Protein backbone atom coordinates (compact mmCIF):
# COMPACT_ATOMS: atom_id res chain seq x y z
CA UNK A 1 -0.03 0.00 0.00
CA UNK A 2 1.42 3.40 -0.98
CA UNK A 3 1.58 6.25 1.52
CA UNK A 4 -1.17 8.86 1.21
CA UNK A 5 -0.52 12.09 -0.59
CA UNK A 6 -0.88 14.84 1.97
CA UNK A 7 -1.69 18.48 1.17
CA UNK A 8 -0.52 20.84 3.93
CA UNK A 9 -2.13 24.26 3.98
CA UNK A 10 -0.04 26.86 5.82
CA UNK A 11 3.29 25.08 5.27
CA UNK A 12 5.30 28.19 6.08
CA UNK A 13 3.73 28.72 9.47
CA UNK A 14 5.12 27.48 12.79
CA UNK A 15 2.97 24.31 12.86
CA UNK A 16 3.24 23.82 9.14
CA UNK A 17 7.04 23.82 9.29
CA UNK A 18 6.99 21.29 12.09
CA UNK A 19 4.61 19.07 10.19
CA UNK A 20 6.72 19.33 7.07
CA UNK A 21 9.80 18.26 8.97
CA UNK A 22 7.94 15.23 10.47
CA UNK A 23 6.58 14.24 7.05
CA UNK A 24 10.02 14.47 5.50
CA UNK A 25 11.62 12.42 8.27
CA UNK A 26 8.99 9.69 7.80
CA UNK A 27 9.26 9.71 3.96
CA UNK A 28 5.68 10.83 3.44
CA UNK A 29 4.53 12.53 0.28
CA UNK A 30 3.68 16.12 1.25
CA UNK A 31 2.34 18.87 -0.99
CA UNK A 32 3.36 22.07 0.86
CA UNK A 33 0.87 24.85 0.11
CA UNK A 34 1.34 28.45 1.11
CA UNK A 35 0.83 31.94 -0.25
CA UNK A 36 0.72 32.78 -3.20
CA UNK A 37 -0.44 29.27 -4.23
CA UNK A 38 -3.84 29.98 -2.69
CA UNK A 39 -5.54 32.92 -1.01
CA UNK A 40 -7.07 32.05 2.36
CA UNK A 41 -9.23 35.16 2.15
CA UNK A 42 -10.77 34.00 -1.18
CA UNK A 43 -12.95 31.02 -0.29
CA UNK A 44 -14.78 31.28 -3.62
CA UNK A 45 -11.57 30.89 -5.61
CA UNK A 46 -10.43 27.87 -3.68
CA UNK A 47 -11.85 25.31 -6.09
CA UNK A 48 -9.91 26.81 -9.02
CA UNK A 49 -6.70 27.05 -7.01
CA UNK A 50 -6.89 23.37 -6.06
CA UNK A 51 -8.32 21.94 -9.25
CA UNK A 52 -5.09 20.34 -10.44
CA UNK A 53 -3.90 19.03 -7.11
CA UNK A 54 -4.19 15.34 -6.36
CA UNK A 55 -4.15 14.33 -2.67
CA UNK A 56 -5.79 11.91 -0.27
CA UNK A 57 -5.56 13.88 2.96
CA UNK A 58 -5.29 17.58 3.71
CA UNK A 59 -4.14 19.28 6.87
CA UNK A 60 -5.21 22.89 7.42
CA UNK A 61 -2.82 24.76 9.66
CA UNK A 62 -3.82 28.20 8.34
CA UNK A 63 -5.09 30.46 11.07
CA UNK A 64 -5.14 33.94 12.44
CA UNK A 65 -3.69 33.48 15.87
CA UNK A 66 -2.83 36.87 17.31
CA UNK A 67 -5.47 36.96 20.06
CA UNK A 68 -5.27 40.72 20.79
CA UNK A 69 -5.66 41.54 17.09
CA UNK A 70 -8.60 39.12 16.83
CA UNK A 71 -10.40 40.72 19.74
CA UNK A 72 -9.90 44.27 18.31
CA UNK A 73 -10.95 43.26 14.77
CA UNK A 74 -12.53 39.81 14.55
CA UNK A 75 -13.33 40.03 10.81
CA UNK A 76 -9.99 38.67 9.52
CA UNK A 77 -10.08 35.81 12.04
CA UNK A 78 -13.60 34.91 11.06
CA UNK A 79 -12.69 34.98 7.35
CA UNK A 80 -9.70 32.69 7.76
CA UNK A 81 -10.49 30.60 10.83
CA UNK A 82 -14.17 29.98 9.92
CA UNK A 83 -15.03 30.71 6.30
CA UNK A 84 -11.78 29.41 4.81
CA UNK A 85 -12.05 26.20 6.90
CA UNK A 86 -15.62 25.81 5.72
CA UNK A 87 -14.63 26.28 2.09
CA UNK A 88 -11.86 23.74 2.46
CA UNK A 89 -14.25 21.18 3.92
CA UNK A 90 -16.62 21.60 0.93
CA UNK A 91 -13.78 21.30 -1.61
CA UNK A 92 -12.45 18.14 0.07
CA UNK A 93 -15.92 16.60 0.25
CA UNK A 94 -16.19 17.00 -3.51
CA UNK A 95 -12.67 15.54 -3.97
CA UNK A 96 -13.52 12.71 -1.57
CA UNK A 97 -10.38 13.61 0.43
CA UNK A 98 -10.02 13.72 4.19
CA UNK A 99 -9.46 16.98 6.00
CA UNK A 100 -7.68 17.46 9.32
CA UNK A 101 -8.64 20.81 10.76
CA UNK A 102 -6.26 22.17 13.41
CA UNK A 103 -7.93 24.36 15.96
CA UNK A 104 -7.38 25.95 19.38
CA UNK A 105 -9.08 25.99 22.75
CA UNK A 106 -9.26 29.83 22.64
CA UNK A 107 -12.77 30.84 21.59
CA UNK A 108 -13.73 34.46 21.03
CA UNK A 109 -17.02 35.12 22.73
CA UNK A 110 -17.74 38.74 21.92
CA UNK A 111 -17.51 41.67 24.25
CA UNK A 112 -18.60 39.96 27.51
CA UNK A 113 -16.45 40.59 30.59
CA UNK A 114 -14.28 37.63 31.50
């Protein structure tokens, strides 16, 4: 059985670099995806950007993670952390590929006092 072809979104980020190193050390086939290969703010253009890629599993490590910035202006975080992840899930469902979505335990709950 051949090893799965893995697409890694956010390959240049901290987690993406670590996952790339692990995949390389284990001899796994990894398609490292980062800007400008796709635009995480353009969920509608995602299908076209991924049309020619052939993979079995995708890992999404793309995220807006600066908590202070997210609290001041949540729109970029929602666009990337929610809408982009949703768009990926729909593309992968059509491709019949598996998606691993990396997340966090930090959840923005609005303007309530903590």
